Amino acid sequence: MFGVRSACLLFSFQRPQAPFFRGLRASWHVTTHIVKPRNFKYSHLMSQNVEAPTVAEVVGRNVRKLRGGHTADVLARAARREGLKWGSGRVSELEAGKVSPTLPTLFVLAQALHVVTGQSVSLADLVRADGLIRINDKLEVKAGKLVESVSESPVDLTLGDLPGDPHKRALTAVQGAVDSMRGLPEYLLHTKASESSHADARFGETEERIAKSLGISRTRMNLESAYLWRDAFSTERDRRAGPDANPQKRGRVSRELKGELRASVRRGEELDEYRELVDQASPPGQQAKARQVRAEAASEKNKQRGTDA
């Protein structure tokens, strides 16, 4: 009787000690004792009352886990490229379980996470959970059933998955990359690819806003940041301000960095204007030789920067 994993009731009977009153019959008092077996937990009795997480809460937890060390800003930027008009604040709301994602939103999030992390992400990965999951106020199902319902292949779009001729899309993408490099100062063309890629990976809302205010392209913003600080604008801001900086200090550092960036852009424009005038006044042979000398000087300068670091 005492080995079972449930609470047992024992009854003990006691004869009343007080004198009996006339007209009253003798009575017995029943005392109830609850005997708690070893290893018994009252939480076992309450487990059925725990509310299952909603789909929004499960998706939020999974998105936060899947993005890993990447910032919400970076994920929001990747989502915007796929047509989801989100900022970092919206990503934070999603991860807190405050956004009920639609099927199109889940699809875009899976693609954005794939782009950011380089890992394959399926719709099933976004709704994966243990136990029950609450579909709505009246329906709860095993999470495995929901995962089974959406399981197939990871979201990994290729040019062939999009409408139109995939070859034309590829050419357009390459042409866009080439066009973005035109008109750049020569010293930026010799920036280390690893540094510019590092800056591009951290290009977020802050960098987008700064680039727009200075009237420069994303490519120019990334290359200038890599040339000046070997990293993105926001990363350099956080480094200079320190981990415990208040908003006022971060704002002051941002203004300083923006001033450095503006001076670099202006210097590059002035150099280009001067070189254009010199080239126009020089014979064709001297123009080519001058461009070669400038390219070699810029390359040597960037190598020296890497040695100094």
Protein backbone atom coordinates (compact mmCIF):
# COMPACT_ATOMS: atom_id res chain seq x y z
CA MET A 1 0.00 0.00 0.00
CA PHE A 2 2.86 2.38 0.79
CA GLY A 3 4.88 1.55 -2.33
CA VAL A 4 2.51 3.16 -4.82
CA ARG A 5 3.30 6.58 -6.30
CA SER A 6 0.10 8.27 -5.22
CA ALA A 7 -1.07 9.86 -2.03
CA CYS A 8 -2.95 7.47 0.33
CA LEU A 9 -5.64 8.32 2.81
CA LEU A 10 -5.65 6.74 6.26
CA PHE A 11 -8.53 7.05 8.68
CA SER A 12 -8.17 6.89 12.46
CA PHE A 13 -11.05 6.75 14.85
CA GLN A 14 -11.04 8.45 18.23
CA ARG A 15 -13.66 8.15 20.97
CA PRO A 16 -14.65 11.57 22.29
CA GLN A 17 -13.17 12.35 25.71
CA ALA A 18 -15.60 15.07 26.78
CA PRO A 19 -18.64 14.03 28.83
CA PHE A 20 -21.73 13.30 26.88
CA PHE A 21 -24.63 15.65 27.02
CA ARG A 22 -28.08 14.37 27.77
CA GLY A 23 -30.00 13.43 24.69
CA LEU A 24 -26.89 13.01 22.59
CA ARG A 25 -25.66 9.67 21.43
CA ALA A 26 -22.00 8.72 21.60
CA SER A 27 -20.18 9.64 18.38
CA TRP A 28 -16.87 8.90 16.80
CA HIS A 29 -14.57 11.55 15.32
CA VAL A 30 -12.92 10.62 12.07
CA THR A 31 -9.48 12.14 11.48
CA THR A 32 -8.04 12.03 7.97
CA HIS A 33 -4.29 11.77 7.43
CA ILE A 34 -2.51 12.18 4.09
CA VAL A 35 0.44 9.85 3.79
CA LYS A 36 3.04 10.98 1.23
CA PRO A 37 5.04 8.03 -0.15
CA ARG A 38 8.77 8.40 -0.76
CA ASN A 39 9.76 10.30 -3.96
CA PHE A 40 6.22 11.59 -4.37
CA LYS A 41 5.94 15.09 -5.86
CA TYR A 42 2.80 17.16 -5.71
CA SER A 43 3.81 18.62 -9.09
CA HIS A 44 2.78 15.26 -10.57
CA LEU A 45 -0.80 16.12 -9.74
CA MET A 46 -0.49 19.60 -11.29
CA SER A 47 1.35 18.71 -14.52
CA GLN A 48 -1.84 18.44 -16.50
CA ASN A 49 -2.70 22.05 -15.64
CA VAL A 50 0.47 23.55 -17.22
CA GLU A 51 -0.51 25.59 -20.28
CA ALA A 52 1.14 24.54 -23.54
CA PRO A 53 3.19 27.20 -25.38
CA THR A 54 1.62 28.90 -28.37
CA VAL A 55 2.94 28.60 -31.91
CA ALA A 56 4.22 32.19 -31.62
CA GLU A 57 6.17 31.37 -28.46
CA VAL A 58 7.70 28.23 -29.96
CA VAL A 59 8.71 30.02 -33.16
CA GLY A 60 10.22 32.87 -31.14
CA ARG A 61 12.36 30.53 -29.05
CA ASN A 62 13.54 28.62 -32.11
CA VAL A 63 14.43 31.75 -34.08
CA ARG A 64 16.47 33.06 -31.15
CA LYS A 65 18.27 29.73 -30.89
CA LEU A 66 18.88 29.41 -34.62
CA ARG A 67 20.34 32.88 -35.14
CA GLY A 68 23.01 32.11 -32.53
CA GLY A 69 25.58 34.86 -32.12
CA HIS A 70 24.24 36.96 -35.00
CA THR A 71 22.43 40.14 -33.99
CA ALA A 72 18.72 40.77 -34.47
CA ASP A 73 19.70 43.67 -36.71
CA VAL A 74 21.54 41.37 -39.12
CA LEU A 75 18.57 38.97 -39.25
CA ALA A 76 16.17 41.85 -39.87
CA ARG A 77 18.32 43.08 -42.74
CA ALA A 78 18.32 39.62 -44.33
CA ALA A 79 14.53 39.45 -43.91
CA ARG A 80 14.12 42.86 -45.57
CA ARG A 81 16.03 41.61 -48.59
CA GLU A 82 13.38 38.91 -48.93
CA GLY A 83 10.51 41.43 -48.72
CA LEU A 84 9.74 41.34 -44.98
CA LYS A 85 9.69 44.97 -43.79
CA TRP A 86 11.09 44.30 -40.34
CA GLY A 87 13.58 46.02 -38.10
CA SER A 88 15.53 44.66 -35.15
CA GLY A 89 12.67 45.63 -32.82
CA ARG A 90 10.25 43.42 -34.68
CA VAL A 91 12.69 40.51 -34.50
CA SER A 92 12.91 41.01 -30.73
CA GLU A 93 9.12 40.99 -30.47
CA LEU A 94 8.97 37.76 -32.48
CA GLU A 95 11.55 36.09 -30.26
CA ALA A 96 9.55 37.14 -27.20
CA GLY A 97 6.50 35.30 -28.58
CA LYS A 98 4.55 38.51 -29.27
CA VAL A 99 4.19 38.03 -33.03
CA SER A 100 1.88 35.42 -34.57
CA PRO A 101 3.76 34.51 -37.77
CA THR A 102 1.90 33.62 -40.94
CA LEU A 103 3.06 30.93 -43.35
CA PRO A 104 4.72 33.51 -45.68
CA THR A 105 6.50 35.03 -42.68
CA LEU A 106 7.78 31.62 -41.57
CA PHE A 107 9.05 30.95 -45.08
CA VAL A 108 10.93 34.26 -45.23
CA LEU A 109 12.37 33.74 -41.75
CA ALA A 110 13.70 30.32 -42.71
CA GLN A 111 15.37 31.78 -45.80
CA ALA A 112 16.77 34.76 -43.83
CA LEU A 113 18.19 32.46 -41.15
CA HIS A 114 19.79 30.34 -43.86
CA VAL A 115 21.44 33.41 -45.40
CA VAL A 116 22.67 34.73 -42.05
CA THR A 117 23.92 31.48 -40.50
CA GLY A 118 24.77 29.44 -43.58
CA GLN A 119 22.82 26.54 -42.08
CA SER A 120 19.86 24.73 -43.64
CA VAL A 121 16.61 25.81 -41.96
CA SER A 122 13.20 24.29 -42.65
CA LEU A 123 9.73 25.32 -41.55
CA ALA A 124 9.77 22.31 -39.24
CA ASP A 125 12.83 23.74 -37.46
CA LEU A 126 10.82 26.85 -36.61
CA VAL A 127 7.94 24.96 -34.94
CA ARG A 128 9.94 22.15 -33.33
CA ALA A 129 9.17 21.62 -29.62
CA ASP A 130 8.64 18.99 -26.93
CA GLY A 131 5.24 18.06 -25.55
CA LEU A 132 2.12 19.93 -26.62
CA ILE A 133 1.76 23.09 -28.62
CA ARG A 134 -1.27 25.38 -28.53
CA ILE A 135 -2.70 26.05 -32.00
CA ASN A 136 -5.50 28.28 -30.69
CA ASP A 137 -7.60 28.71 -27.55
CA LYS A 138 -9.44 25.44 -28.12
CA LEU A 139 -6.89 23.21 -29.82
CA GLU A 140 -3.67 21.74 -28.48
CA VAL A 141 -1.73 19.06 -30.35
CA LYS A 142 1.51 17.20 -29.93
CA ALA A 143 4.32 19.35 -31.29
CA GLY A 144 5.63 16.39 -33.26
CA LYS A 145 2.41 16.31 -35.26
CA LEU A 146 2.82 19.94 -36.30
CA VAL A 147 6.45 19.31 -37.22
CA GLU A 148 5.37 16.28 -39.27
CA SER A 149 2.77 18.37 -41.08
CA VAL A 150 5.29 20.94 -42.33
CA SER A 151 8.36 18.72 -42.73
CA GLU A 152 9.88 18.39 -46.15
CA SER A 153 13.06 20.14 -47.28
CA PRO A 154 14.92 23.20 -45.93
CA VAL A 155 14.24 26.63 -47.39
CA ASP A 156 17.19 27.40 -49.66
CA LEU A 157 16.14 29.51 -52.65
CA THR A 158 18.09 29.40 -55.89
CA LEU A 159 17.71 31.52 -59.02
CA GLY A 160 15.78 28.66 -60.60
CA ASP A 161 13.14 28.89 -57.85
CA LEU A 162 12.30 32.48 -58.79
CA PRO A 163 10.14 33.67 -61.70
CA GLY A 164 11.80 34.63 -64.96
CA ASP A 165 14.94 33.44 -66.69
CA PRO A 166 17.52 32.34 -64.06
CA HIS A 167 20.40 33.20 -66.41
CA LYS A 168 19.17 36.78 -66.77
CA ARG A 169 18.77 37.03 -63.00
CA ALA A 170 22.34 35.85 -62.50
CA LEU A 171 23.65 38.35 -65.05
CA THR A 172 21.66 41.13 -63.40
CA ALA A 173 23.11 40.27 -60.00
CA VAL A 174 26.66 40.26 -61.37
CA GLN A 175 26.07 43.50 -63.26
CA GLY A 176 24.75 45.12 -60.09
CA ALA A 177 27.89 44.14 -58.21
CA VAL A 178 30.08 45.53 -60.99
CA ASP A 179 28.12 48.80 -61.15
CA SER A 180 28.46 49.27 -57.40
CA MET A 181 32.26 49.23 -57.77
CA ARG A 182 32.36 51.90 -60.44
CA GLY A 183 33.32 55.38 -59.39
CA LEU A 184 35.03 54.24 -56.19
CA PRO A 185 38.35 55.83 -55.17
CA GLU A 186 41.34 53.68 -56.05
CA TYR A 187 42.46 53.27 -52.44
CA LEU A 188 39.16 51.51 -51.67
CA LEU A 189 39.60 49.06 -54.53
CA HIS A 190 42.62 47.63 -52.72
CA THR A 191 40.87 47.11 -49.39
CA LYS A 192 41.29 43.57 -48.10
CA ALA A 193 38.39 41.36 -49.13
CA SER A 194 38.25 39.76 -45.68
CA GLU A 195 37.82 43.15 -44.00
CA SER A 196 35.17 44.39 -46.41
CA SER A 197 33.26 41.09 -46.10
CA HIS A 198 33.45 41.41 -42.32
CA ALA A 199 31.94 44.89 -42.52
CA ASP A 200 29.26 43.76 -44.97
CA ALA A 201 28.20 40.88 -42.69
CA ARG A 202 27.50 43.42 -39.93
CA PHE A 203 25.80 45.99 -42.14
CA GLY A 204 22.56 46.82 -40.32
CA GLU A 205 20.07 49.60 -39.68
CA THR A 206 22.72 51.91 -38.24
CA GLU A 207 24.99 51.56 -41.27
CA GLU A 208 22.04 51.92 -43.63
CA ARG A 209 21.00 55.17 -41.95
CA ILE A 210 24.55 56.60 -41.98
CA ALA A 211 25.09 55.70 -45.64
CA LYS A 212 21.82 57.38 -46.60
CA SER A 213 22.70 60.56 -44.70
CA LEU A 214 26.09 60.75 -46.47
CA GLY A 215 24.63 59.92 -49.87
CA ILE A 216 26.85 56.87 -50.45
CA SER A 217 26.06 53.32 -51.50
CA ARG A 218 26.18 50.28 -49.29
CA THR A 219 29.31 49.11 -51.10
CA ARG A 220 31.02 52.44 -50.46
CA MET A 221 29.94 52.38 -46.81
CA ASN A 222 31.36 48.89 -46.27
CA LEU A 223 34.65 49.64 -48.04
CA GLU A 224 35.16 52.94 -46.21
CA SER A 225 34.45 51.25 -42.87
CA ALA A 226 36.89 48.45 -43.67
CA TYR A 227 39.52 50.97 -44.77
CA LEU A 228 39.13 53.17 -41.67
CA TRP A 229 38.40 50.65 -38.92
CA ARG A 230 38.66 47.15 -40.46
CA ASP A 231 35.08 46.53 -39.31
CA ALA A 232 31.52 47.84 -39.50
CA PHE A 233 30.51 51.28 -38.20
CA SER A 234 28.40 49.91 -35.34
CA THR A 235 31.11 47.44 -34.26
CA GLU A 236 33.71 50.22 -34.06
CA ARG A 237 31.24 52.42 -32.19
CA ASP A 238 30.64 49.73 -29.58
CA ARG A 239 34.37 49.09 -29.24
CA ARG A 240 35.21 52.74 -28.61
CA ALA A 241 32.24 53.40 -26.36
CA GLY A 242 32.82 50.32 -24.21
CA PRO A 243 30.40 47.67 -22.96
CA ASP A 244 28.92 49.84 -20.17
CA ALA A 245 28.37 52.97 -22.27
CA ASN A 246 25.13 54.90 -21.85
CA PRO A 247 23.12 56.19 -24.85
CA GLN A 248 24.71 59.64 -24.57
CA LYS A 249 28.25 58.26 -24.90
CA ARG A 250 27.28 55.96 -27.74
CA GLY A 251 25.73 58.93 -29.53
CA ARG A 252 28.87 61.03 -29.05
CA VAL A 253 31.08 58.26 -30.41
CA SER A 254 28.73 57.79 -33.36
CA ARG A 255 29.07 61.47 -34.26
CA GLU A 256 32.86 61.20 -34.10
CA LEU A 257 32.87 58.17 -36.38
CA LYS A 258 30.49 59.81 -38.80
CA GLY A 259 32.84 62.78 -38.96
CA GLU A 260 35.77 60.48 -39.81
CA LEU A 261 33.68 58.76 -42.45
CA ARG A 262 32.53 62.05 -43.97
CA ALA A 263 36.13 63.32 -44.15
CA SER A 264 37.26 60.12 -45.85
CA VAL A 265 34.46 60.32 -48.43
CA ARG A 266 35.26 63.99 -49.13
CA ARG A 267 38.97 63.25 -49.44
CA GLY A 268 38.26 60.47 -51.91
CA GLU A 269 36.06 62.74 -54.02
CA GLU A 270 38.72 65.48 -54.07
CA LEU A 271 41.43 63.01 -55.08
CA ASP A 272 39.27 61.66 -57.89
CA GLU A 273 38.60 65.18 -59.20
CA TYR A 274 42.30 66.05 -59.11
CA ARG A 275 43.32 62.82 -60.84
CA GLU A 276 40.67 63.31 -63.51
CA LEU A 277 42.06 66.76 -64.30
CA VAL A 278 45.62 65.39 -64.45
CA ASP A 279 44.57 62.54 -66.71
CA GLN A 280 42.78 64.87 -69.10
CA ALA A 281 45.92 67.00 -69.45
CA SER A 282 48.27 64.03 -69.92
CA PRO A 283 48.98 61.94 -73.04
CA PRO A 284 47.28 58.50 -73.12
CA GLY A 285 50.52 56.65 -72.35
CA GLN A 286 51.21 58.75 -69.28
CA GLN A 287 47.62 58.31 -68.11
CA ALA A 288 47.94 54.52 -68.08
CA LYS A 289 51.31 54.73 -66.33
CA ALA A 290 49.93 57.13 -63.73
CA ARG A 291 46.99 54.81 -62.99
CA GLN A 292 49.39 51.90 -62.56
CA VAL A 293 51.59 53.87 -60.16
CA ARG A 294 48.56 54.95 -58.11
CA ALA A 295 47.26 51.39 -57.94
CA GLU A 296 50.63 50.09 -56.75
CA ALA A 297 50.87 52.86 -54.15
CA ALA A 298 47.38 52.14 -52.87
CA SER A 299 48.10 48.41 -52.68
CA GLU A 300 51.35 49.03 -50.79
CA LYS A 301 49.54 51.36 -48.38
CA ASN A 302 46.93 48.71 -47.59
CA LYS A 303 49.65 46.10 -47.05
CA GLN A 304 51.37 48.47 -44.64
CA ARG A 305 48.10 48.93 -42.74
CA GLY A 306 47.87 45.16 -42.32
CA THR A 307 51.47 44.99 -41.05
CA ASP A 308 50.87 47.79 -38.54
CA ALA A 309 47.80 45.96 -37.18
